[in-house]
Amino acid sequence: MDVPEAEEAVSFAAHIKGLFRERDQQSMKYAFDLWSYEDVKAHAQPIVERLRAGTMPCDGAWPVEKIDAFQRWIDGGMTA
């Protein structure tokens, strides 16, 4: 999944959903669905905190570019 360009608006459908692999989605399904806009929007702050801490996903931290894209999505109003 490519991260959006710096000037590009970030949306869940175009950018965020694709950052989460099927493995990530399945491992978190007990708590919420990482492929659901409503679920990710409702849990966005704890998700980004875990991404920044390197504890999510469980098999290795995201590169900073992906974390920054997720944060930009939050800061930009979490559009669908």
Foldseek 3Di string as FASTA:
>chain_A
DDFDDPPDQAACVPHQLVVADPVQQVVCVVPPGSNDLVRCLVCVVVVLVCLVVFPPPPVTHDPPRSSVSSVSCVVNPHHD
